[in-house]
């Protein structure tokens, strides 16, 4: 991790004196709001609407900003997360941690 951080620092300061200009780089900025273009399907979407729809769908168990950071519309994010959840359940079934359903396992693994 330190190597990556050092490389990022060198990249950002290359051609600059000291740390001049570094303060303008904000890798951990506030969540995106407003209109955005989905990186998955390419359609324009409102980030606030996607955030509300996604967070409502998962009842607070998953967080839109934590998982998609305003880059993916709700129409892509929700089925993506559902698929990952179901894949995890299928793995639990294979490990005996959840009742086994052969059709479910075949569908998601």
Protein backbone atom coordinates (compact mmCIF):
# COMPACT_ATOMS: atom_id res chain seq x y z
CA UNK A 1 0.00 0.00 0.00
CA UNK A 2 2.85 2.37 0.81
CA UNK A 3 4.32 1.76 -2.66
CA UNK A 4 1.04 2.75 -4.31
CA UNK A 5 0.71 5.86 -2.17
CA UNK A 6 4.31 6.84 -2.91
CA UNK A 7 3.79 6.32 -6.65
CA UNK A 8 0.62 8.42 -6.54
CA UNK A 9 2.45 11.19 -4.69
CA UNK A 10 5.30 11.16 -7.22
CA UNK A 11 2.83 11.20 -10.11
CA UNK A 12 0.94 14.13 -8.63
CA UNK A 13 4.05 16.20 -7.86
CA UNK A 14 5.98 15.47 -11.04
CA UNK A 15 6.99 18.78 -12.59
CA UNK A 16 5.83 20.75 -9.54
CA UNK A 17 7.84 22.29 -6.75
CA UNK A 18 7.30 20.52 -3.43
CA UNK A 19 3.63 20.00 -2.70
CA UNK A 20 2.35 22.92 -4.78
CA UNK A 21 -1.01 22.01 -6.32
CA UNK A 22 -1.50 18.84 -4.27
CA UNK A 23 -4.33 20.38 -2.25
CA UNK A 24 -6.49 20.47 -5.38
CA UNK A 25 -6.45 16.67 -5.63
CA UNK A 26 -9.31 15.18 -3.59
CA UNK A 27 -9.37 11.37 -3.80
CA UNK A 28 -11.87 11.18 -0.94
CA UNK A 29 -14.23 13.96 -1.92
CA UNK A 30 -17.90 14.14 -1.07
CA UNK A 31 -20.23 11.74 -2.88
CA UNK A 32 -21.16 12.81 -6.39
CA UNK A 33 -24.50 14.50 -6.89
CA UNK A 34 -26.38 15.77 -9.92
CA UNK A 35 -26.46 14.34 -13.42
CA UNK A 36 -23.96 11.69 -14.38
CA UNK A 37 -23.45 9.22 -17.23
CA UNK A 38 -23.54 5.55 -16.18
CA UNK A 39 -20.22 3.80 -16.78
CA UNK A 40 -22.05 0.51 -17.37
CA UNK A 41 -24.91 1.35 -19.76
CA UNK A 42 -24.01 4.88 -20.81
CA UNK A 43 -27.37 6.47 -20.03
CA UNK A 44 -27.62 9.80 -18.20
CA UNK A 45 -29.00 9.55 -14.68
CA UNK A 46 -29.50 11.67 -11.59
CA UNK A 47 -27.14 10.52 -8.85
CA UNK A 48 -29.49 11.57 -6.03
CA UNK A 49 -32.32 9.52 -7.55
CA UNK A 50 -30.02 6.51 -8.05
CA UNK A 51 -28.76 6.81 -4.47
CA UNK A 52 -32.31 6.97 -3.07
CA UNK A 53 -33.56 4.08 -5.21
CA UNK A 54 -30.56 1.86 -4.43
CA UNK A 55 -30.52 2.57 -0.70
CA UNK A 56 -34.28 2.04 -0.52
CA UNK A 57 -34.01 -1.28 -2.40
CA UNK A 58 -31.51 -2.65 0.09
CA UNK A 59 -33.04 -1.07 3.18
CA UNK A 60 -29.77 0.41 4.35
CA UNK A 61 -27.91 -2.92 4.32
CA UNK A 62 -25.83 -1.69 1.35
CA UNK A 63 -24.77 1.87 0.60
CA UNK A 64 -24.83 3.28 -2.93
CA UNK A 65 -21.96 5.71 -2.39
CA UNK A 66 -19.78 3.04 -0.84
CA UNK A 67 -20.34 0.60 -3.69
CA UNK A 68 -20.87 2.74 -6.79
CA UNK A 69 -19.84 6.31 -5.88
CA UNK A 70 -22.14 8.00 -8.40
CA UNK A 71 -20.71 6.16 -11.41
CA UNK A 72 -23.49 3.62 -11.99
CA UNK A 73 -27.23 4.20 -12.41
CA UNK A 74 -29.71 2.39 -10.17
CA UNK A 75 -30.90 0.28 -13.11
CA UNK A 76 -27.40 -1.23 -13.33
CA UNK A 77 -26.36 -1.06 -9.66
CA UNK A 78 -29.36 -2.88 -8.19
CA UNK A 79 -29.16 -6.03 -10.37
CA UNK A 80 -25.37 -6.02 -9.99
CA UNK A 81 -25.64 -6.06 -6.20
CA UNK A 82 -28.47 -8.62 -6.31
CA UNK A 83 -26.27 -10.88 -8.42
CA UNK A 84 -23.35 -10.56 -6.02
CA UNK A 85 -25.61 -11.27 -3.03
CA UNK A 86 -27.04 -14.35 -4.75
CA UNK A 87 -23.57 -15.54 -5.72
CA UNK A 88 -22.57 -15.25 -2.06
CA UNK A 89 -25.64 -17.23 -1.02
CA UNK A 90 -24.75 -19.94 -3.55
CA UNK A 91 -21.27 -20.16 -2.05
CA UNK A 92 -22.80 -20.48 1.41
CA UNK A 93 -24.96 -23.31 0.07
CA UNK A 94 -21.91 -25.06 -1.36
CA UNK A 95 -20.16 -24.72 2.00
CA UNK A 96 -23.17 -26.07 3.90
CA UNK A 97 -23.81 -22.76 5.67
CA UNK A 98 -27.26 -22.41 4.08
CA UNK A 99 -29.85 -24.96 2.91
CA UNK A 100 -28.71 -26.28 -0.46
CA UNK A 101 -30.78 -25.52 -3.58
CA UNK A 102 -29.22 -27.10 -6.67
CA UNK A 103 -31.11 -24.87 -9.15
CA UNK A 104 -30.07 -21.74 -7.26
CA UNK A 105 -26.41 -22.83 -7.12
CA UNK A 106 -26.37 -23.64 -10.84
CA UNK A 107 -27.89 -20.24 -11.64
CA UNK A 108 -25.46 -18.16 -9.61
CA UNK A 109 -22.20 -20.12 -9.74
